[in-house]
Amino acid sequence: MAIRRARFAAVARTNTSGLARDIAIVELLADSTEPLGVSAIARTLNRDLTQTSRALSTLAEAGIVHRDPVTRGYRPGWRIAAIGARSMEARLAELARPQLRNLASTLNETAMLAVVRSSQTIVIAAQISPHGLGAYARIGSSYPAASSSTARAIMAGEPEGSWEEWFTEDRLAEAGERCAVRTPSEWVARLQSVRDTGAAVTYGEYEEGVVNISAAVRGPVGRPIAAVSISAPEFRFADQVDTGVRLVKRTALRVTEAITLRE
């Protein structure tokens, strides 16, 4: 801890602007394995106690830090996690784009990369079909997770004990009548099938007349963090589903490998 204190104190003395001092606070909390009180933070950063307290209050209001109501210690707040998630998604999208272009070019259909946030699936990268009549995916667009092949591909890689708990009545209501899965037991059975085959396939659940195929992309520790998907009209793609599954799985594996190499 002595080395850490020396480093953070040096940062605080060298950078006297308010922003630099606030960054030093956030970095100190991120490095700590437990919440830190105002006195400990001020002492480590060699800062005035009152000044530190005011800075922490401002950071807490913004969600940058969080104060535990029981211990009164501070730790990084929800906004830090949100910023980190978006930064990770931006890097993930950058790594996936070449593979999405190859997939879309091979199948002549829309390829995308999406993540799940709470009850929504969010598109973070896409390569649109060259066909005049094809599925459209705009970056940033969202749709109900429970009816998406993306959520099923990702959730199938999560511990089985979390499967039924995830499928809530609210998520089912958001998905609407097009969702083919209507009960928790059906959801569990569907995820087991996805785990067995390595891909999720939906027909008309995302959009009427559209088939979606998804396979999970895994992060450095092996957990699913996103999914590669193909979206195409059923009338044109119905006899290519097996090929689509194989190519989507291959693409997801290549994106996973790119993440591993980058790390």
C-alpha atoms as a PDB file:
ATOM      1  CA  MET A   1       0.000   0.000   0.000  1.00  0.00           C
ATOM      2  CA  ALA A   2       2.981   2.306   0.599  1.00  0.00           C
ATOM      3  CA  ILE A   3       3.917   2.166  -3.098  1.00  0.00           C
ATOM      4  CA  ARG A   4       0.332   2.884  -4.130  1.00  0.00           C
ATOM      5  CA  ARG A   5       0.094   5.799  -1.708  1.00  0.00           C
ATOM      6  CA  ALA A   6       3.312   7.271  -3.028  1.00  0.00           C
ATOM      7  CA  ARG A   7       2.112   6.967  -6.614  1.00  0.00           C
ATOM      8  CA  PHE A   8      -1.282   8.528  -5.982  1.00  0.00           C
ATOM      9  CA  ALA A   9       0.184  11.273  -3.779  1.00  0.00           C
ATOM     10  CA  ALA A  10       2.607  12.137  -6.564  1.00  0.00           C
ATOM     11  CA  VAL A  11      -0.275  12.352  -9.026  1.00  0.00           C
ATOM     12  CA  ALA A  12      -2.200  14.629  -6.684  1.00  0.00           C
ATOM     13  CA  ARG A  13       0.779  16.971  -6.188  1.00  0.00           C
ATOM     14  CA  THR A  14       1.701  17.084  -9.869  1.00  0.00           C
ATOM     15  CA  ASN A  15      -1.828  17.605 -11.195  1.00  0.00           C
ATOM     16  CA  THR A  16      -3.510  20.416  -9.339  1.00  0.00           C
ATOM     17  CA  SER A  17      -6.547  20.882 -11.593  1.00  0.00           C
ATOM     18  CA  GLY A  18      -9.919  19.760 -10.285  1.00  0.00           C
ATOM     19  CA  LEU A  19     -10.367  17.177 -13.030  1.00  0.00           C
ATOM     20  CA  ALA A  20      -6.933  15.641 -12.460  1.00  0.00           C
ATOM     21  CA  ARG A  21      -7.583  15.398  -8.718  1.00  0.00           C
ATOM     22  CA  ASP A  22     -10.969  13.759  -9.320  1.00  0.00           C
ATOM     23  CA  ILE A  23      -9.371  11.255 -11.694  1.00  0.00           C
ATOM     24  CA  ALA A  24      -6.847  10.404  -8.972  1.00  0.00           C
ATOM     25  CA  ILE A  25      -9.729   9.670  -6.590  1.00  0.00           C
ATOM     26  CA  VAL A  26     -11.454   7.391  -9.096  1.00  0.00           C
ATOM     27  CA  GLU A  27      -8.217   5.530  -9.890  1.00  0.00           C
ATOM     28  CA  LEU A  28      -7.525   5.043  -6.200  1.00  0.00           C
ATOM     29  CA  LEU A  29     -10.996   3.557  -5.625  1.00  0.00           C
ATOM     30  CA  ALA A  30     -10.657   1.336  -8.703  1.00  0.00           C
ATOM     31  CA  ASP A  31      -7.357  -0.026  -7.351  1.00  0.00           C
ATOM     32  CA  SER A  32      -8.758  -0.707  -3.880  1.00  0.00           C
ATOM     33  CA  THR A  33     -10.205  -4.100  -2.985  1.00  0.00           C
ATOM     34  CA  GLU A  34     -12.582  -2.525  -0.452  1.00  0.00           C
ATOM     35  CA  PRO A  35     -14.506   0.753  -0.022  1.00  0.00           C
ATOM     36  CA  LEU A  36     -12.412   3.662   1.260  1.00  0.00           C
ATOM     37  CA  GLY A  37     -13.491   6.408   3.635  1.00  0.00           C
ATOM     38  CA  VAL A  38     -12.922  10.127   3.120  1.00  0.00           C
ATOM     39  CA  SER A  39      -9.994  10.251   5.548  1.00  0.00           C
ATOM     40  CA  ALA A  40      -8.206   7.320   3.905  1.00  0.00           C
ATOM     41  CA  ILE A  41      -8.633   8.870   0.455  1.00  0.00           C
ATOM     42  CA  ALA A  42      -7.419  12.304   1.569  1.00  0.00           C
ATOM     43  CA  ARG A  43      -4.445  10.794   3.383  1.00  0.00           C
ATOM     44  CA  THR A  44      -3.401   8.591   0.457  1.00  0.00           C
ATOM     45  CA  LEU A  45      -3.683  11.432  -2.058  1.00  0.00           C
ATOM     46  CA  ASN A  46      -2.134  13.997   0.295  1.00  0.00           C
ATOM     47  CA  ARG A  47      -5.212  16.224  -0.043  1.00  0.00           C
ATOM     48  CA  ASP A  48      -7.229  18.448   2.252  1.00  0.00           C
ATOM     49  CA  LEU A  49      -9.997  16.509   4.019  1.00  0.00           C
ATOM     50  CA  THR A  50     -12.735  19.079   3.334  1.00  0.00           C
ATOM     51  CA  GLN A  51     -11.736  19.414  -0.300  1.00  0.00           C
ATOM     52  CA  THR A  52     -11.770  15.630  -0.700  1.00  0.00           C
ATOM     53  CA  SER A  53     -15.190  15.369   0.913  1.00  0.00           C
ATOM     54  CA  ARG A  54     -16.642  17.977  -1.468  1.00  0.00           C
ATOM     55  CA  ALA A  55     -15.109  16.245  -4.480  1.00  0.00           C
ATOM     56  CA  LEU A  56     -16.544  12.878  -3.424  1.00  0.00           C
ATOM     57  CA  SER A  57     -20.010  14.379  -2.961  1.00  0.00           C
ATOM     58  CA  THR A  58     -19.913  15.817  -6.483  1.00  0.00           C
ATOM     59  CA  LEU A  59     -18.675  12.523  -7.950  1.00  0.00           C
ATOM     60  CA  ALA A  60     -21.366  10.595  -6.061  1.00  0.00           C
ATOM     61  CA  GLU A  61     -24.122  12.839  -7.435  1.00  0.00           C
ATOM     62  CA  ALA A  62     -22.891  12.058 -10.950  1.00  0.00           C
ATOM     63  CA  GLY A  63     -22.749   8.300 -10.315  1.00  0.00           C
ATOM     64  CA  ILE A  64     -18.966   8.243 -10.734  1.00  0.00           C
ATOM     65  CA  VAL A  65     -18.504   6.952  -7.179  1.00  0.00           C
ATOM     66  CA  HIS A  66     -20.898   5.283  -4.766  1.00  0.00           C
ATOM     67  CA  ARG A  67     -21.044   5.754  -1.015  1.00  0.00           C
ATOM     68  CA  ASP A  68     -22.013   2.715   1.028  1.00  0.00           C
ATOM     69  CA  PRO A  69     -24.770   3.885   3.403  1.00  0.00           C
ATOM     70  CA  VAL A  70     -23.627   1.502   6.155  1.00  0.00           C
ATOM     71  CA  THR A  71     -19.820   1.704   6.088  1.00  0.00           C
ATOM     72  CA  ARG A  72     -19.756   5.198   4.511  1.00  0.00           C
ATOM     73  CA  GLY A  73     -16.896   4.002   2.364  1.00  0.00           C
ATOM     74  CA  TYR A  74     -16.639   4.882  -1.329  1.00  0.00           C
ATOM     75  CA  ARG A  75     -16.183   2.660  -4.353  1.00  0.00           C
ATOM     76  CA  PRO A  76     -16.525   3.180  -8.134  1.00  0.00           C
ATOM     77  CA  GLY A  77     -20.107   4.001  -9.123  1.00  0.00           C
ATOM     78  CA  TRP A  78     -22.523   2.713 -11.744  1.00  0.00           C
ATOM     79  CA  ARG A  79     -21.533   5.309 -14.350  1.00  0.00           C
ATOM     80  CA  ILE A  80     -17.949   4.026 -14.393  1.00  0.00           C
ATOM     81  CA  ALA A  81     -19.255   0.549 -15.188  1.00  0.00           C
ATOM     82  CA  ALA A  82     -21.512   1.956 -17.915  1.00  0.00           C
ATOM     83  CA  ILE A  83     -18.646   3.894 -19.527  1.00  0.00           C
ATOM     84  CA  GLY A  84     -16.428   0.822 -19.356  1.00  0.00           C
ATOM     85  CA  ALA A  85     -19.104  -1.322 -20.979  1.00  0.00           C
ATOM     86  CA  ARG A  86     -19.535   1.123 -23.865  1.00  0.00           C
ATOM     87  CA  SER A  87     -15.778   1.344 -24.345  1.00  0.00           C
ATOM     88  CA  MET A  88     -15.551  -2.436 -24.448  1.00  0.00           C
ATOM     89  CA  GLU A  89     -18.417  -2.592 -26.940  1.00  0.00           C
ATOM     90  CA  ALA A  90     -16.708  -0.047 -29.202  1.00  0.00           C
ATOM     91  CA  ARG A  91     -13.518  -2.119 -29.248  1.00  0.00           C
ATOM     92  CA  LEU A  92     -15.537  -5.277 -29.816  1.00  0.00           C
ATOM     93  CA  ALA A  93     -17.380  -3.712 -32.760  1.00  0.00           C
ATOM     94  CA  GLU A  94     -14.068  -2.614 -34.300  1.00  0.00           C
ATOM     95  CA  LEU A  95     -12.685  -6.147 -34.099  1.00  0.00           C
ATOM     96  CA  ALA A  96     -15.879  -7.679 -35.492  1.00  0.00           C
ATOM     97  CA  ARG A  97     -16.441  -5.432 -38.532  1.00  0.00           C
ATOM     98  CA  PRO A  98     -14.074  -7.247 -40.950  1.00  0.00           C
ATOM     99  CA  GLN A  99     -15.639 -10.584 -40.032  1.00  0.00           C
ATOM    100  CA  LEU A 100     -19.164  -9.203 -40.416  1.00  0.00           C
ATOM    101  CA  ARG A 101     -18.294  -7.905 -43.878  1.00  0.00           C
ATOM    102  CA  ASN A 102     -17.026 -11.345 -44.871  1.00  0.00           C
ATOM    103  CA  LEU A 103     -20.123 -13.059 -43.486  1.00  0.00           C
ATOM    104  CA  ALA A 104     -22.536 -10.648 -45.189  1.00  0.00           C
ATOM    105  CA  SER A 105     -20.613 -10.941 -48.467  1.00  0.00           C
ATOM    106  CA  THR A 106     -20.641 -14.741 -48.367  1.00  0.00           C
ATOM    107  CA  LEU A 107     -24.353 -15.067 -47.632  1.00  0.00           C
ATOM    108  CA  ASN A 108     -25.547 -11.821 -49.248  1.00  0.00           C
ATOM    109  CA  GLU A 109     -27.608 -11.111 -46.151  1.00  0.00           C
ATOM    110  CA  THR A 110     -27.430  -8.713 -43.209  1.00  0.00           C
ATOM    111  CA  ALA A 111     -24.797  -9.589 -40.600  1.00  0.00           C
ATOM    112  CA  MET A 112     -24.655  -7.937 -37.199  1.00  0.00           C
ATOM    113  CA  LEU A 113     -23.057  -7.999 -33.784  1.00  0.00           C
ATOM    114  CA  ALA A 114     -25.298  -7.369 -30.791  1.00  0.00           C
ATOM    115  CA  VAL A 115     -25.189  -7.369 -27.001  1.00  0.00           C
ATOM    116  CA  VAL A 116     -27.864  -7.803 -24.356  1.00  0.00           C
ATOM    117  CA  ARG A 117     -28.551  -5.001 -21.903  1.00  0.00           C
ATOM    118  CA  SER A 118     -31.171  -5.906 -19.333  1.00  0.00           C
ATOM    119  CA  SER A 119     -34.280  -6.802 -21.397  1.00  0.00           C
ATOM    120  CA  GLN A 120     -33.079  -5.412 -24.725  1.00  0.00           C
ATOM    121  CA  THR A 121     -30.784  -6.593 -27.502  1.00  0.00           C
ATOM    122  CA  ILE A 122     -28.643  -3.739 -28.857  1.00  0.00           C
ATOM    123  CA  VAL A 123     -26.938  -3.779 -32.284  1.00  0.00           C
ATOM    124  CA  ILE A 124     -23.352  -2.472 -31.997  1.00  0.00           C
ATOM    125  CA  ALA A 125     -22.074  -3.299 -35.503  1.00  0.00           C
ATOM    126  CA  ALA A 126     -23.773  -4.272 -38.752  1.00  0.00           C
ATOM    127  CA  GLN A 127     -23.196  -4.984 -42.432  1.00  0.00           C
ATOM    128  CA  ILE A 128     -26.397  -4.531 -44.418  1.00  0.00           C
ATOM    129  CA  SER A 129     -27.642  -6.968 -47.059  1.00  0.00           C
ATOM    130  CA  PRO A 130     -26.993  -5.900 -50.677  1.00  0.00           C
ATOM    131  CA  HIS A 131     -30.514  -7.011 -51.609  1.00  0.00           C
ATOM    132  CA  GLY A 132     -33.182  -4.382 -52.098  1.00  0.00           C
ATOM    133  CA  LEU A 133     -35.470  -6.549 -49.983  1.00  0.00           C
ATOM    134  CA  GLY A 134     -33.563  -7.671 -46.919  1.00  0.00           C
ATOM    135  CA  ALA A 135     -33.330  -7.334 -43.165  1.00  0.00           C
ATOM    136  CA  TYR A 136     -32.192  -3.930 -41.913  1.00  0.00           C
ATOM    137  CA  ALA A 137     -30.130  -3.382 -38.782  1.00  0.00           C
ATOM    138  CA  ARG A 138     -29.146   0.089 -37.609  1.00  0.00           C
ATOM    139  CA  ILE A 139     -26.326   0.475 -35.103  1.00  0.00           C
ATOM    140  CA  GLY A 140     -27.866   1.368 -31.763  1.00  0.00           C
ATOM    141  CA  SER A 141     -31.254  -0.116 -32.594  1.00  0.00           C
ATOM    142  CA  SER A 142     -32.826  -2.328 -29.951  1.00  0.00           C
ATOM    143  CA  TYR A 143     -35.463  -5.022 -29.748  1.00  0.00           C
ATOM    144  CA  PRO A 144     -36.852  -7.312 -27.018  1.00  0.00           C
ATOM    145  CA  ALA A 145     -34.232  -9.790 -25.855  1.00  0.00           C
ATOM    146  CA  ALA A 146     -36.569 -12.662 -24.994  1.00  0.00           C
ATOM    147  CA  SER A 147     -37.605 -13.124 -28.624  1.00  0.00           C
ATOM    148  CA  SER A 148     -34.114 -12.658 -30.061  1.00  0.00           C
ATOM    149  CA  SER A 149     -31.665 -15.299 -31.192  1.00  0.00           C
ATOM    150  CA  THR A 150     -28.917 -13.042 -29.787  1.00  0.00           C
ATOM    151  CA  ALA A 151     -30.125 -13.365 -26.198  1.00  0.00           C
ATOM    152  CA  ARG A 152     -30.539 -17.118 -26.552  1.00  0.00           C
ATOM    153  CA  ALA A 153     -27.030 -17.547 -27.927  1.00  0.00           C
ATOM    154  CA  ILE A 154     -25.569 -15.478 -25.097  1.00  0.00           C
ATOM    155  CA  MET A 155     -27.700 -16.898 -22.283  1.00  0.00           C
ATOM    156  CA  ALA A 156     -26.958 -20.490 -23.326  1.00  0.00           C
ATOM    157  CA  GLY A 157     -23.366 -19.853 -22.267  1.00  0.00           C
ATOM    158  CA  GLU A 158     -24.380 -18.658 -18.811  1.00  0.00           C
ATOM    159  CA  PRO A 159     -24.769 -21.014 -15.810  1.00  0.00           C
ATOM    160  CA  GLU A 160     -27.904 -23.135 -16.097  1.00  0.00           C
ATOM    161  CA  GLY A 161     -29.116 -21.915 -12.712  1.00  0.00           C
ATOM    162  CA  SER A 162     -29.632 -18.426 -14.151  1.00  0.00           C
ATOM    163  CA  TRP A 163     -31.697 -19.475 -17.167  1.00  0.00           C
ATOM    164  CA  GLU A 164     -35.162 -19.720 -15.642  1.00  0.00           C
ATOM    165  CA  GLU A 165     -34.598 -16.688 -13.400  1.00  0.00           C
ATOM    166  CA  TRP A 166     -33.791 -14.520 -16.449  1.00  0.00           C
ATOM    167  CA  PHE A 167     -37.062 -15.334 -18.232  1.00  0.00           C
ATOM    168  CA  THR A 168     -39.402 -13.014 -16.311  1.00  0.00           C
ATOM    169  CA  GLU A 169     -42.995 -12.057 -17.055  1.00  0.00           C
ATOM    170  CA  ASP A 170     -41.858  -8.520 -17.870  1.00  0.00           C
ATOM    171  CA  ARG A 171     -39.382  -9.762 -20.469  1.00  0.00           C
ATOM    172  CA  LEU A 172     -42.040 -12.022 -21.991  1.00  0.00           C
ATOM    173  CA  ALA A 173     -44.499  -9.114 -22.126  1.00  0.00           C
ATOM    174  CA  GLU A 174     -41.909  -6.956 -23.906  1.00  0.00           C
ATOM    175  CA  ALA A 175     -41.283  -9.693 -26.461  1.00  0.00           C
ATOM    176  CA  GLY A 176     -44.980  -9.833 -27.353  1.00  0.00           C
ATOM    177  CA  GLU A 177     -46.996 -12.484 -29.094  1.00  0.00           C
ATOM    178  CA  ARG A 178     -44.356 -13.273 -31.716  1.00  0.00           C
ATOM    179  CA  CYS A 179     -42.128 -14.827 -29.057  1.00  0.00           C
ATOM    180  CA  ALA A 180     -42.396 -18.606 -29.553  1.00  0.00           C
ATOM    181  CA  VAL A 181     -41.216 -19.326 -26.008  1.00  0.00           C
ATOM    182  CA  ARG A 182     -44.028 -18.780 -23.510  1.00  0.00           C
ATOM    183  CA  THR A 183     -42.923 -20.411 -20.241  1.00  0.00           C
ATOM    184  CA  PRO A 184     -39.722 -20.646 -18.189  1.00  0.00           C
ATOM    185  CA  SER A 185     -39.524 -24.391 -18.830  1.00  0.00           C
ATOM    186  CA  GLU A 186     -39.733 -23.816 -22.590  1.00  0.00           C
ATOM    187  CA  TRP A 187     -37.003 -21.168 -22.276  1.00  0.00           C
ATOM    188  CA  VAL A 188     -34.723 -23.592 -20.439  1.00  0.00           C
ATOM    189  CA  ALA A 189     -35.338 -26.280 -23.064  1.00  0.00           C
ATOM    190  CA  ARG A 190     -34.574 -23.811 -25.862  1.00  0.00           C
ATOM    191  CA  LEU A 191     -31.312 -22.704 -24.239  1.00  0.00           C
ATOM    192  CA  GLN A 192     -30.248 -26.322 -23.756  1.00  0.00           C
ATOM    193  CA  SER A 193     -30.792 -26.900 -27.470  1.00  0.00           C
ATOM    194  CA  VAL A 194     -28.716 -23.807 -28.288  1.00  0.00           C
ATOM    195  CA  ARG A 195     -25.942 -25.021 -26.009  1.00  0.00           C
ATOM    196  CA  ASP A 196     -25.985 -28.419 -27.729  1.00  0.00           C
ATOM    197  CA  THR A 197     -25.865 -27.014 -31.274  1.00  0.00           C
ATOM    198  CA  GLY A 198     -23.796 -23.876 -30.677  1.00  0.00           C
ATOM    199  CA  ALA A 199     -26.301 -21.558 -32.368  1.00  0.00           C
ATOM    200  CA  ALA A 200     -29.763 -20.080 -31.880  1.00  0.00           C
ATOM    201  CA  VAL A 201     -32.275 -19.922 -34.735  1.00  0.00           C
ATOM    202  CA  THR A 202     -35.564 -18.014 -34.678  1.00  0.00           C
ATOM    203  CA  TYR A 203     -38.278 -17.749 -37.309  1.00  0.00           C
ATOM    204  CA  GLY A 204     -40.461 -14.658 -37.328  1.00  0.00           C
ATOM    205  CA  GLU A 205     -39.859 -13.795 -33.675  1.00  0.00           C
ATOM    206  CA  TYR A 206     -37.697 -10.734 -34.296  1.00  0.00           C
ATOM    207  CA  GLU A 207     -39.772  -9.654 -37.286  1.00  0.00           C
ATOM    208  CA  GLU A 208     -42.482 -11.454 -39.225  1.00  0.00           C
ATOM    209  CA  GLY A 209     -41.055 -13.424 -42.137  1.00  0.00           C
ATOM    210  CA  VAL A 210     -37.446 -13.047 -40.982  1.00  0.00           C
ATOM    211  CA  VAL A 211     -35.072 -15.813 -39.891  1.00  0.00           C
ATOM    212  CA  ASN A 212     -32.290 -15.002 -37.447  1.00  0.00           C
ATOM    213  CA  ILE A 213     -29.246 -17.118 -36.623  1.00  0.00           C
ATOM    214  CA  SER A 214     -26.888 -16.211 -33.762  1.00  0.00           C
ATOM    215  CA  ALA A 215     -23.759 -17.625 -32.149  1.00  0.00           C
ATOM    216  CA  ALA A 216     -22.026 -16.303 -29.048  1.00  0.00           C
ATOM    217  CA  VAL A 217     -18.791 -14.347 -28.986  1.00  0.00           C
ATOM    218  CA  ARG A 218     -16.778 -15.035 -25.839  1.00  0.00           C
ATOM    219  CA  GLY A 219     -14.549 -12.692 -23.880  1.00  0.00           C
ATOM    220  CA  PRO A 220     -11.063 -13.339 -22.508  1.00  0.00           C
ATOM    221  CA  VAL A 221     -12.383 -15.361 -19.544  1.00  0.00           C
ATOM    222  CA  GLY A 222     -14.639 -17.504 -21.712  1.00  0.00           C
ATOM    223  CA  ARG A 223     -18.043 -16.000 -20.909  1.00  0.00           C
ATOM    224  CA  PRO A 224     -20.390 -14.844 -23.703  1.00  0.00           C
ATOM    225  CA  ILE A 225     -20.262 -11.071 -24.192  1.00  0.00           C
ATOM    226  CA  ALA A 226     -22.048 -10.629 -27.534  1.00  0.00           C
ATOM    227  CA  ALA A 227     -23.412 -12.586 -30.482  1.00  0.00           C
ATOM    228  CA  VAL A 228     -22.827 -12.614 -34.228  1.00  0.00           C
ATOM    229  CA  SER A 229     -26.051 -12.897 -36.215  1.00  0.00           C
ATOM    230  CA  ILE A 230     -27.428 -13.225 -39.716  1.00  0.00           C
ATOM    231  CA  SER A 231     -30.877 -11.810 -40.448  1.00  0.00           C
ATOM    232  CA  ALA A 232     -32.650 -12.689 -43.698  1.00  0.00           C
ATOM    233  CA  PRO A 233     -36.116 -13.079 -45.239  1.00  0.00           C
ATOM    234  CA  GLU A 234     -37.414 -16.619 -44.742  1.00  0.00           C
ATOM    235  CA  PHE A 235     -38.575 -16.936 -48.369  1.00  0.00           C
ATOM    236  CA  ARG A 236     -34.993 -16.464 -49.583  1.00  0.00           C
ATOM    237  CA  PHE A 237     -33.004 -18.072 -46.800  1.00  0.00           C
ATOM    238  CA  ALA A 238     -35.093 -21.053 -45.645  1.00  0.00           C
ATOM    239  CA  ASP A 239     -32.994 -23.586 -47.560  1.00  0.00           C
ATOM    240  CA  GLN A 240     -29.704 -22.009 -46.406  1.00  0.00           C
ATOM    241  CA  VAL A 241     -30.219 -22.233 -42.641  1.00  0.00           C
ATOM    242  CA  ASP A 242     -27.759 -25.090 -42.118  1.00  0.00           C
ATOM    243  CA  THR A 243     -25.099 -23.210 -44.084  1.00  0.00           C
ATOM    244  CA  GLY A 244     -25.957 -20.050 -42.161  1.00  0.00           C
ATOM    245  CA  VAL A 245     -25.523 -21.804 -38.826  1.00  0.00           C
ATOM    246  CA  ARG A 246     -22.106 -23.112 -39.833  1.00  0.00           C
ATOM    247  CA  LEU A 247     -20.880 -19.734 -41.088  1.00  0.00           C
ATOM    248  CA  VAL A 248     -22.267 -17.738 -38.172  1.00  0.00           C
ATOM    249  CA  LYS A 249     -20.576 -20.093 -35.702  1.00  0.00           C
ATOM    250  CA  ARG A 250     -17.304 -19.784 -37.618  1.00  0.00           C
ATOM    251  CA  THR A 251     -17.551 -15.996 -37.635  1.00  0.00           C
ATOM    252  CA  ALA A 252     -18.288 -15.849 -33.907  1.00  0.00           C
ATOM    253  CA  LEU A 253     -15.238 -18.025 -33.266  1.00  0.00           C
ATOM    254  CA  ARG A 254     -13.029 -15.733 -35.368  1.00  0.00           C
ATOM    255  CA  VAL A 255     -14.224 -12.660 -33.456  1.00  0.00           C
ATOM    256  CA  THR A 256     -13.566 -14.497 -30.187  1.00  0.00           C
ATOM    257  CA  GLU A 257     -10.060 -15.327 -31.388  1.00  0.00           C
ATOM    258  CA  ALA A 258      -9.465 -11.677 -32.333  1.00  0.00           C
ATOM    259  CA  ILE A 259     -10.463 -10.614 -28.814  1.00  0.00           C
ATOM    260  CA  THR A 260      -8.128 -13.184 -27.292  1.00  0.00           C
ATOM    261  CA  LEU A 261      -5.223 -12.047 -29.443  1.00  0.00           C
ATOM    262  CA  ARG A 262      -5.913  -8.386 -28.613  1.00  0.00           C
ATOM    263  CA  GLU A 263      -5.866  -9.157 -24.887  1.00  0.00           C
END
